[in-house]
Amino acid sequence: MEKLYTIICHDKPDVTPVRKQKLLEHLAHIEKVMNEIAVAGPLYDEEENFVGSLLVVKADTAAAAREFLEQDPYYQAGIWKGIEIRRLSSVAGEWVGGKTW
């Protein structure tokens, strides 16, 4: 059964030049796998510097979500120092149309 997994990736220090260099390759990859993504985007600090990435992906298991991430050019370029993958249950909010109870 397909579930949602939140993937939070934290950038290594001083990796912005690599992130920018790989941007077009990363975006092309995202376009190919768009049907497996609920939402995705970069994370910023208060000064608008890149600090990581957030993805919510559709997968059967956390391992499958990890495999999905490993296909990303950003992952392959080694820009992330830490990756956290957690199961997500969407139960309330505008994106889920209110509440599910």
Protein backbone atom coordinates (compact mmCIF):
# COMPACT_ATOMS: atom_id res chain seq x y z
CA MET A 1 0.00 0.00 0.00
CA GLU A 2 1.37 3.37 -1.00
CA LYS A 3 2.06 5.77 1.87
CA LEU A 4 3.57 9.24 2.26
CA TYR A 5 7.11 9.73 3.53
CA THR A 6 8.68 13.02 4.51
CA ILE A 7 12.32 13.34 3.55
CA ILE A 8 14.30 16.16 5.15
CA CYS A 9 17.79 16.69 3.77
CA HIS A 10 20.31 19.00 5.43
CA ASP A 11 22.94 20.60 3.22
CA LYS A 12 26.63 20.32 3.94
CA PRO A 13 28.34 23.65 4.67
CA ASP A 14 29.38 25.69 1.63
CA VAL A 15 27.64 23.39 -0.86
CA THR A 16 25.54 26.07 -2.60
CA PRO A 17 27.84 26.23 -5.67
CA VAL A 18 27.40 22.48 -6.23
CA ARG A 19 23.64 22.79 -5.69
CA LYS A 20 23.46 25.52 -8.34
CA GLN A 21 25.70 23.54 -10.72
CA LYS A 22 23.40 20.50 -10.47
CA LEU A 23 20.12 22.47 -10.53
CA LEU A 24 19.08 21.81 -14.14
CA GLU A 25 19.91 18.10 -13.84
CA HIS A 26 17.97 17.95 -10.54
CA LEU A 27 14.92 19.70 -12.04
CA ALA A 28 14.93 17.39 -15.08
CA HIS A 29 14.95 14.42 -12.70
CA ILE A 30 12.07 15.88 -10.66
CA GLU A 31 10.02 16.32 -13.84
CA LYS A 32 10.52 12.61 -14.66
CA VAL A 33 9.33 11.44 -11.22
CA MET A 34 6.67 14.09 -10.54
CA ASN A 35 3.91 11.48 -10.11
CA GLU A 36 5.77 10.06 -7.08
CA ILE A 37 6.03 13.43 -5.29
CA ALA A 38 3.31 15.02 -3.18
CA VAL A 39 5.35 18.19 -2.56
CA ALA A 40 9.02 19.15 -2.74
CA GLY A 41 11.23 22.21 -2.48
CA PRO A 42 14.37 23.78 -1.06
CA LEU A 43 14.72 24.83 2.57
CA TYR A 44 16.16 28.23 3.49
CA ASP A 45 17.50 29.96 6.57
CA GLU A 46 16.34 33.43 7.64
CA GLU A 47 18.84 35.07 5.24
CA GLU A 48 17.41 33.10 2.28
CA ASN A 49 20.46 30.81 2.01
CA PHE A 50 19.87 27.21 0.99
CA VAL A 51 20.07 24.86 3.97
CA GLY A 52 18.45 21.72 2.63
CA SER A 53 15.54 20.11 0.83
CA LEU A 54 12.11 18.81 1.78
CA LEU A 55 10.27 16.12 -0.14
CA VAL A 56 7.04 14.32 0.58
CA VAL A 57 7.02 11.22 -1.60
CA LYS A 58 4.65 8.35 -2.27
CA ALA A 59 6.26 5.01 -1.45
CA ASP A 60 5.42 1.62 0.03
CA THR A 61 8.21 1.68 2.63
CA ALA A 62 10.86 3.98 4.09
CA ALA A 63 13.46 1.91 2.22
CA ALA A 64 11.64 2.59 -1.07
CA ALA A 65 11.54 6.31 -0.22
CA ARG A 66 15.30 6.18 0.35
CA GLU A 67 15.84 4.41 -2.98
CA PHE A 68 13.75 7.13 -4.65
CA LEU A 69 15.95 9.84 -3.11
CA GLU A 70 19.17 8.08 -4.12
CA GLN A 71 18.24 8.59 -7.80
CA ASP A 72 18.30 12.38 -7.38
CA PRO A 73 21.33 14.20 -8.86
CA TYR A 74 21.63 16.21 -5.64
CA TYR A 75 21.99 12.98 -3.66
CA GLN A 76 24.50 11.62 -6.16
CA ALA A 77 26.51 14.88 -5.92
CA GLY A 78 26.74 14.41 -2.14
CA ILE A 79 25.32 17.80 -1.15
CA TRP A 80 23.48 16.52 1.91
CA LYS A 81 25.15 15.85 5.26
CA GLY A 82 22.08 14.35 6.87
CA ILE A 83 18.84 12.76 5.66
CA GLU A 84 15.78 11.98 7.76
CA ILE A 85 12.93 9.86 6.41
CA ARG A 86 9.67 9.55 8.35
CA ARG A 87 6.20 8.22 7.59
CA LEU A 88 3.62 11.01 7.27
CA SER A 89 -0.10 10.80 7.89
CA SER A 90 -1.93 13.78 6.39
CA VAL A 91 -4.90 14.37 8.68
CA ALA A 92 -5.57 18.12 8.76
CA GLY A 93 -4.91 21.32 6.87
CA GLU A 94 -5.66 23.13 3.67
CA TRP A 95 -3.75 20.61 1.53
CA VAL A 96 -5.91 17.73 2.76
CA GLY A 97 -9.15 19.67 2.43
CA GLY A 98 -9.69 20.41 6.13
CA LYS A 99 -9.69 17.47 8.51
CA THR A 100 -9.99 13.74 8.08
CA TRP A 101 -11.92 12.96 11.23
